Amino acid sequence: MAVHDHPHRRPGWHVPFPRRTGTAPASTGPTTAAAAATTTAHVFAGLRLLTGFVFLWAFLDKAFGLGYATPSGKGWIDGGSPTKGFLSGVAAGPMESTFHDWAGAPWADWLFMLGLLGIGLALIAGIGLWPAAIAGTAMMALMWIAEWPPARHLSDGTPSMSTNPFADYHLIYAVVLVALAAAGAGATWGLGGAWTRLPLVGRHPWLR
């Protein structure tokens, strides 16, 4: 059997060089994953703070009449009702008459304002994200029903101007609230880490 020389071999001395192993690429894997996790945590934290500001600002404007959605002098502290204008204006959907009955009721005003304040503070502080998500989802569901996006026409026959029969900003807010709670977004730029270490929260994970 003939023995053939390797076509790339040359006579003479060869200086051995250490071969690269797979350790270098492997070492960059955890670093890349950690950087991605940090970026994701920061994105969720920023989303949490922005969403919290939306709810907290709505409370402040309706409570003190800051001149945005609520005119000056028409705030809650001035005797105005934060629910009367919105609920009395409901003109479509299966709960139209029910919302009219609720409009301006003291219990409805208190529940609505406490919900805005509680959800806003929870998101800003990064604590109690699951209770905030549950309360916020219930609030958004009621507001979705009040606006009733599936309706093409209002009860008086005029166009509803609905742009989508299902997905509107109330649904988006509800999904964001649940996503923030599921991601544990309170630990970054918030007090979520300390909150979860409390004995009461440890015994009742739904408070996280």
C-alpha atoms as a PDB file:
ATOM      1  CA  MET A   1       0.000   0.000   0.000  1.00  0.00           C
ATOM      2  CA  ALA A   2       1.557   3.271  -1.055  1.00  0.00           C
ATOM      3  CA  VAL A   3       1.898   6.042   1.437  1.00  0.00           C
ATOM      4  CA  HIS A   4       1.217   9.525   0.094  1.00  0.00           C
ATOM      5  CA  ASP A   5       2.639  12.637   1.639  1.00  0.00           C
ATOM      6  CA  HIS A   6       0.207  15.308   2.853  1.00  0.00           C
ATOM      7  CA  PRO A   7      -0.004  17.865   0.045  1.00  0.00           C
ATOM      8  CA  HIS A   8       0.526  20.809   2.455  1.00  0.00           C
ATOM      9  CA  ARG A   9       3.528  19.433   4.306  1.00  0.00           C
ATOM     10  CA  ARG A  10       6.933  20.972   3.682  1.00  0.00           C
ATOM     11  CA  PRO A  11      10.295  19.782   4.893  1.00  0.00           C
ATOM     12  CA  GLY A  12      11.957  21.686   7.708  1.00  0.00           C
ATOM     13  CA  TRP A  13      11.224  22.776  11.237  1.00  0.00           C
ATOM     14  CA  HIS A  14       7.709  23.634  12.308  1.00  0.00           C
ATOM     15  CA  VAL A  15       6.970  25.879  15.242  1.00  0.00           C
ATOM     16  CA  PRO A  16       3.923  24.615  17.095  1.00  0.00           C
ATOM     17  CA  PHE A  17       1.308  27.250  17.871  1.00  0.00           C
ATOM     18  CA  PRO A  18      -1.323  26.735  20.516  1.00  0.00           C
ATOM     19  CA  ARG A  19      -4.649  25.999  18.983  1.00  0.00           C
ATOM     20  CA  ARG A  20      -7.673  28.049  19.853  1.00  0.00           C
ATOM     21  CA  THR A  21     -10.198  26.261  21.927  1.00  0.00           C
ATOM     22  CA  GLY A  22     -13.895  26.869  22.297  1.00  0.00           C
ATOM     23  CA  THR A  23     -13.496  28.504  25.706  1.00  0.00           C
ATOM     24  CA  ALA A  24     -13.388  32.105  24.436  1.00  0.00           C
ATOM     25  CA  PRO A  25     -16.744  32.094  22.634  1.00  0.00           C
ATOM     26  CA  ALA A  26     -18.299  30.226  25.531  1.00  0.00           C
ATOM     27  CA  SER A  27     -17.080  32.878  27.969  1.00  0.00           C
ATOM     28  CA  THR A  28     -18.833  35.613  26.015  1.00  0.00           C
ATOM     29  CA  GLY A  29     -22.158  33.780  26.189  1.00  0.00           C
ATOM     30  CA  PRO A  30     -22.986  34.548  29.841  1.00  0.00           C
ATOM     31  CA  THR A  31     -21.769  38.123  29.385  1.00  0.00           C
ATOM     32  CA  THR A  32     -24.060  38.663  26.415  1.00  0.00           C
ATOM     33  CA  ALA A  33     -26.971  37.057  28.222  1.00  0.00           C
ATOM     34  CA  ALA A  34     -26.382  39.219  31.290  1.00  0.00           C
ATOM     35  CA  ALA A  35     -26.248  42.373  29.177  1.00  0.00           C
ATOM     36  CA  ALA A  36     -29.478  41.392  27.422  1.00  0.00           C
ATOM     37  CA  ALA A  37     -31.153  40.684  30.768  1.00  0.00           C
ATOM     38  CA  THR A  38     -30.039  44.068  32.100  1.00  0.00           C
ATOM     39  CA  THR A  39     -31.350  45.853  29.027  1.00  0.00           C
ATOM     40  CA  THR A  40     -34.674  44.024  29.285  1.00  0.00           C
ATOM     41  CA  ALA A  41     -34.962  44.928  32.968  1.00  0.00           C
ATOM     42  CA  HIS A  42     -34.328  48.590  32.188  1.00  0.00           C
ATOM     43  CA  VAL A  43     -36.890  48.588  29.378  1.00  0.00           C
ATOM     44  CA  PHE A  44     -39.553  47.074  31.640  1.00  0.00           C
ATOM     45  CA  ALA A  45     -38.638  49.495  34.430  1.00  0.00           C
ATOM     46  CA  GLY A  46     -39.010  52.458  32.088  1.00  0.00           C
ATOM     47  CA  LEU A  47     -42.345  51.135  30.849  1.00  0.00           C
ATOM     48  CA  ARG A  48     -43.456  50.672  34.452  1.00  0.00           C
ATOM     49  CA  LEU A  49     -42.584  54.239  35.405  1.00  0.00           C
ATOM     50  CA  LEU A  50     -44.279  55.729  32.341  1.00  0.00           C
ATOM     51  CA  THR A  51     -47.437  53.698  32.900  1.00  0.00           C
ATOM     52  CA  GLY A  52     -47.432  54.616  36.565  1.00  0.00           C
ATOM     53  CA  PHE A  53     -47.194  58.284  35.670  1.00  0.00           C
ATOM     54  CA  VAL A  54     -50.219  57.932  33.375  1.00  0.00           C
ATOM     55  CA  PHE A  55     -52.367  56.649  36.249  1.00  0.00           C
ATOM     56  CA  LEU A  56     -50.916  58.980  38.879  1.00  0.00           C
ATOM     57  CA  TRP A  57     -51.309  62.048  36.669  1.00  0.00           C
ATOM     58  CA  ALA A  58     -54.914  61.116  35.914  1.00  0.00           C
ATOM     59  CA  PHE A  59     -55.552  61.051  39.670  1.00  0.00           C
ATOM     60  CA  LEU A  60     -53.849  64.397  40.298  1.00  0.00           C
ATOM     61  CA  ASP A  61     -55.604  66.128  37.413  1.00  0.00           C
ATOM     62  CA  LYS A  62     -59.042  64.854  38.404  1.00  0.00           C
ATOM     63  CA  ALA A  63     -58.437  65.528  42.097  1.00  0.00           C
ATOM     64  CA  PHE A  64     -57.094  69.070  41.819  1.00  0.00           C
ATOM     65  CA  GLY A  65     -58.369  70.290  38.459  1.00  0.00           C
ATOM     66  CA  LEU A  66     -54.975  70.974  36.912  1.00  0.00           C
ATOM     67  CA  GLY A  67     -56.480  72.269  33.700  1.00  0.00           C
ATOM     68  CA  TYR A  68     -55.823  69.317  31.416  1.00  0.00           C
ATOM     69  CA  ALA A  69     -58.625  66.753  31.213  1.00  0.00           C
ATOM     70  CA  THR A  70     -60.220  68.420  34.244  1.00  0.00           C
ATOM     71  CA  PRO A  71     -60.733  72.203  34.062  1.00  0.00           C
ATOM     72  CA  SER A  72     -59.467  74.379  36.874  1.00  0.00           C
ATOM     73  CA  GLY A  73     -62.036  74.681  39.652  1.00  0.00           C
ATOM     74  CA  LYS A  74     -63.753  71.439  38.613  1.00  0.00           C
ATOM     75  CA  GLY A  75     -61.511  69.063  40.549  1.00  0.00           C
ATOM     76  CA  TRP A  76     -62.647  66.522  43.089  1.00  0.00           C
ATOM     77  CA  ILE A  77     -61.559  68.749  45.972  1.00  0.00           C
ATOM     78  CA  ASP A  78     -63.718  71.539  44.510  1.00  0.00           C
ATOM     79  CA  GLY A  79     -66.824  69.367  44.641  1.00  0.00           C
ATOM     80  CA  GLY A  80     -66.608  67.989  41.120  1.00  0.00           C
ATOM     81  CA  SER A  81     -67.233  64.352  40.299  1.00  0.00           C
ATOM     82  CA  PRO A  82     -64.472  62.430  38.498  1.00  0.00           C
ATOM     83  CA  THR A  83     -66.968  59.888  37.113  1.00  0.00           C
ATOM     84  CA  LYS A  84     -70.072  61.909  36.288  1.00  0.00           C
ATOM     85  CA  GLY A  85     -68.907  63.395  33.012  1.00  0.00           C
ATOM     86  CA  PHE A  86     -67.512  60.166  31.587  1.00  0.00           C
ATOM     87  CA  LEU A  87     -70.196  57.741  32.744  1.00  0.00           C
ATOM     88  CA  SER A  88     -73.125  60.023  31.955  1.00  0.00           C
ATOM     89  CA  GLY A  89     -71.758  60.349  28.436  1.00  0.00           C
ATOM     90  CA  VAL A  90     -71.804  56.601  27.727  1.00  0.00           C
ATOM     91  CA  ALA A  91     -73.892  56.177  24.588  1.00  0.00           C
ATOM     92  CA  ALA A  92     -73.351  52.573  23.499  1.00  0.00           C
ATOM     93  CA  GLY A  93     -72.928  49.072  24.822  1.00  0.00           C
ATOM     94  CA  PRO A  94     -74.837  46.651  27.038  1.00  0.00           C
ATOM     95  CA  MET A  95     -74.195  48.616  30.264  1.00  0.00           C
ATOM     96  CA  GLU A  96     -75.209  52.056  29.032  1.00  0.00           C
ATOM     97  CA  SER A  97     -78.067  52.524  31.484  1.00  0.00           C
ATOM     98  CA  THR A  98     -76.064  51.000  34.341  1.00  0.00           C
ATOM     99  CA  PHE A  99     -73.196  53.428  33.830  1.00  0.00           C
ATOM    100  CA  HIS A 100     -75.687  56.307  33.774  1.00  0.00           C
ATOM    101  CA  ASP A 101     -76.951  55.171  37.169  1.00  0.00           C
ATOM    102  CA  TRP A 102     -73.383  55.004  38.507  1.00  0.00           C
ATOM    103  CA  ALA A 103     -72.385  58.433  37.177  1.00  0.00           C
ATOM    104  CA  GLY A 104     -71.483  60.783  40.014  1.00  0.00           C
ATOM    105  CA  ALA A 105     -72.240  58.277  42.777  1.00  0.00           C
ATOM    106  CA  PRO A 106     -69.910  58.888  45.749  1.00  0.00           C
ATOM    107  CA  TRP A 107     -68.917  55.226  45.946  1.00  0.00           C
ATOM    108  CA  ALA A 108     -68.030  55.226  42.240  1.00  0.00           C
ATOM    109  CA  ASP A 109     -65.954  58.400  42.634  1.00  0.00           C
ATOM    110  CA  TRP A 110     -64.044  56.976  45.594  1.00  0.00           C
ATOM    111  CA  LEU A 111     -63.383  53.611  43.966  1.00  0.00           C
ATOM    112  CA  PHE A 112     -62.237  55.223  40.745  1.00  0.00           C
ATOM    113  CA  MET A 113     -59.924  57.735  42.413  1.00  0.00           C
ATOM    114  CA  LEU A 114     -58.466  55.238  44.873  1.00  0.00           C
ATOM    115  CA  GLY A 115     -57.865  52.880  41.970  1.00  0.00           C
ATOM    116  CA  LEU A 116     -55.988  55.528  39.984  1.00  0.00           C
ATOM    117  CA  LEU A 117     -53.929  56.544  43.020  1.00  0.00           C
ATOM    118  CA  GLY A 118     -53.161  53.003  44.168  1.00  0.00           C
ATOM    119  CA  ILE A 119     -52.191  51.736  40.719  1.00  0.00           C
ATOM    120  CA  GLY A 120     -50.085  54.811  40.018  1.00  0.00           C
ATOM    121  CA  LEU A 121     -48.177  54.656  43.302  1.00  0.00           C
ATOM    122  CA  ALA A 122     -47.668  50.889  43.047  1.00  0.00           C
ATOM    123  CA  LEU A 123     -46.168  51.196  39.580  1.00  0.00           C
ATOM    124  CA  ILE A 124     -43.969  54.170  40.439  1.00  0.00           C
ATOM    125  CA  ALA A 125     -42.646  52.452  43.575  1.00  0.00           C
ATOM    126  CA  GLY A 126     -42.414  49.016  41.942  1.00  0.00           C
ATOM    127  CA  ILE A 127     -44.384  47.239  44.667  1.00  0.00           C
ATOM    128  CA  GLY A 128     -47.631  45.290  44.654  1.00  0.00           C
ATOM    129  CA  LEU A 129     -47.577  44.910  40.891  1.00  0.00           C
ATOM    130  CA  TRP A 130     -49.955  41.950  40.843  1.00  0.00           C
ATOM    131  CA  PRO A 131     -52.687  43.723  42.888  1.00  0.00           C
ATOM    132  CA  ALA A 132     -52.154  46.755  40.649  1.00  0.00           C
ATOM    133  CA  ALA A 133     -52.475  44.577  37.554  1.00  0.00           C
ATOM    134  CA  ILE A 134     -55.688  42.978  38.806  1.00  0.00           C
ATOM    135  CA  ALA A 135     -57.262  46.300  39.807  1.00  0.00           C
ATOM    136  CA  GLY A 136     -56.047  48.007  36.643  1.00  0.00           C
ATOM    137  CA  THR A 137     -57.347  45.254  34.395  1.00  0.00           C
ATOM    138  CA  ALA A 138     -60.777  45.446  36.054  1.00  0.00           C
ATOM    139  CA  MET A 139     -60.798  49.230  35.633  1.00  0.00           C
ATOM    140  CA  MET A 140     -59.717  49.034  31.998  1.00  0.00           C
ATOM    141  CA  ALA A 141     -62.339  46.365  31.287  1.00  0.00           C
ATOM    142  CA  LEU A 142     -65.118  48.588  32.660  1.00  0.00           C
ATOM    143  CA  MET A 143     -63.862  51.577  30.679  1.00  0.00           C
ATOM    144  CA  TRP A 144     -63.653  49.404  27.549  1.00  0.00           C
ATOM    145  CA  ILE A 145     -67.283  48.377  28.036  1.00  0.00           C
ATOM    146  CA  ALA A 146     -68.230  52.022  28.627  1.00  0.00           C
ATOM    147  CA  GLU A 147     -66.731  53.096  25.309  1.00  0.00           C
ATOM    148  CA  TRP A 148     -67.816  49.847  23.598  1.00  0.00           C
ATOM    149  CA  PRO A 149     -65.455  49.801  20.580  1.00  0.00           C
ATOM    150  CA  PRO A 150     -67.497  47.137  18.675  1.00  0.00           C
ATOM    151  CA  ALA A 151     -70.328  49.631  18.125  1.00  0.00           C
ATOM    152  CA  ARG A 152     -70.356  51.329  14.729  1.00  0.00           C
ATOM    153  CA  HIS A 153     -73.149  53.651  15.840  1.00  0.00           C
ATOM    154  CA  LEU A 154     -74.157  55.181  19.123  1.00  0.00           C
ATOM    155  CA  SER A 155     -77.592  54.711  20.655  1.00  0.00           C
ATOM    156  CA  ASP A 156     -78.833  57.859  18.902  1.00  0.00           C
ATOM    157  CA  GLY A 157     -77.736  56.528  15.515  1.00  0.00           C
ATOM    158  CA  THR A 158     -74.713  58.768  15.015  1.00  0.00           C
ATOM    159  CA  PRO A 159     -71.371  57.181  14.021  1.00  0.00           C
ATOM    160  CA  SER A 160     -69.354  56.028  16.998  1.00  0.00           C
ATOM    161  CA  MET A 161     -66.037  56.888  15.315  1.00  0.00           C
ATOM    162  CA  SER A 162     -64.575  53.682  16.713  1.00  0.00           C
ATOM    163  CA  THR A 163     -61.307  52.860  14.954  1.00  0.00           C
ATOM    164  CA  ASN A 164     -61.100  49.218  16.014  1.00  0.00           C
ATOM    165  CA  PRO A 165     -63.819  46.796  17.165  1.00  0.00           C
ATOM    166  CA  PHE A 166     -61.640  45.168  19.812  1.00  0.00           C
ATOM    167  CA  ALA A 167     -58.120  46.466  20.438  1.00  0.00           C
ATOM    168  CA  ASP A 168     -58.008  49.942  21.951  1.00  0.00           C
ATOM    169  CA  TYR A 169     -55.790  51.678  24.491  1.00  0.00           C
ATOM    170  CA  HIS A 170     -57.690  50.191  27.455  1.00  0.00           C
ATOM    171  CA  LEU A 171     -56.774  46.698  26.294  1.00  0.00           C
ATOM    172  CA  ILE A 172     -53.155  47.764  25.754  1.00  0.00           C
ATOM    173  CA  TYR A 173     -52.914  49.182  29.278  1.00  0.00           C
ATOM    174  CA  ALA A 174     -54.341  45.983  30.754  1.00  0.00           C
ATOM    175  CA  VAL A 175     -51.823  43.831  28.877  1.00  0.00           C
ATOM    176  CA  VAL A 176     -48.968  46.121  29.943  1.00  0.00           C
ATOM    177  CA  LEU A 177     -49.998  45.894  33.605  1.00  0.00           C
ATOM    178  CA  VAL A 178     -50.074  42.102  33.525  1.00  0.00           C
ATOM    179  CA  ALA A 179     -46.753  41.955  31.643  1.00  0.00           C
ATOM    180  CA  LEU A 180     -45.058  44.218  34.198  1.00  0.00           C
ATOM    181  CA  ALA A 181     -46.278  42.076  37.079  1.00  0.00           C
ATOM    182  CA  ALA A 182     -45.287  38.824  35.353  1.00  0.00           C
ATOM    183  CA  ALA A 183     -41.814  40.186  34.567  1.00  0.00           C
ATOM    184  CA  GLY A 184     -41.213  41.338  38.140  1.00  0.00           C
ATOM    185  CA  ALA A 185     -40.480  44.818  36.811  1.00  0.00           C
ATOM    186  CA  GLY A 186     -40.377  46.409  40.257  1.00  0.00           C
ATOM    187  CA  ALA A 187     -36.878  45.221  41.139  1.00  0.00           C
ATOM    188  CA  THR A 188     -35.149  47.653  38.753  1.00  0.00           C
ATOM    189  CA  TRP A 189     -35.462  51.368  39.569  1.00  0.00           C
ATOM    190  CA  GLY A 190     -37.975  50.468  42.234  1.00  0.00           C
ATOM    191  CA  LEU A 191     -38.550  48.949  45.657  1.00  0.00           C
ATOM    192  CA  GLY A 192     -39.656  45.583  44.334  1.00  0.00           C
ATOM    193  CA  GLY A 193     -36.649  43.706  45.720  1.00  0.00           C
ATOM    194  CA  ALA A 194     -37.193  44.922  49.274  1.00  0.00           C
ATOM    195  CA  TRP A 195     -40.951  44.459  48.908  1.00  0.00           C
ATOM    196  CA  THR A 196     -40.682  40.778  47.978  1.00  0.00           C
ATOM    197  CA  ARG A 197     -38.470  40.115  51.022  1.00  0.00           C
ATOM    198  CA  LEU A 198     -41.169  41.214  53.445  1.00  0.00           C
ATOM    199  CA  PRO A 199     -42.555  38.244  55.443  1.00  0.00           C
ATOM    200  CA  LEU A 200     -46.153  39.103  54.532  1.00  0.00           C
ATOM    201  CA  VAL A 201     -45.356  39.175  50.822  1.00  0.00           C
ATOM    202  CA  GLY A 202     -43.382  35.964  51.157  1.00  0.00           C
ATOM    203  CA  ARG A 203     -46.435  34.227  52.601  1.00  0.00           C
ATOM    204  CA  HIS A 204     -48.751  35.708  49.969  1.00  0.00           C
ATOM    205  CA  PRO A 205     -46.998  35.769  46.567  1.00  0.00           C
ATOM    206  CA  TRP A 206     -50.015  37.427  44.944  1.00  0.00           C
ATOM    207  CA  LEU A 207     -49.004  40.641  46.744  1.00  0.00           C
ATOM    208  CA  ARG A 208     -45.785  40.934  44.732  1.00  0.00           C
END
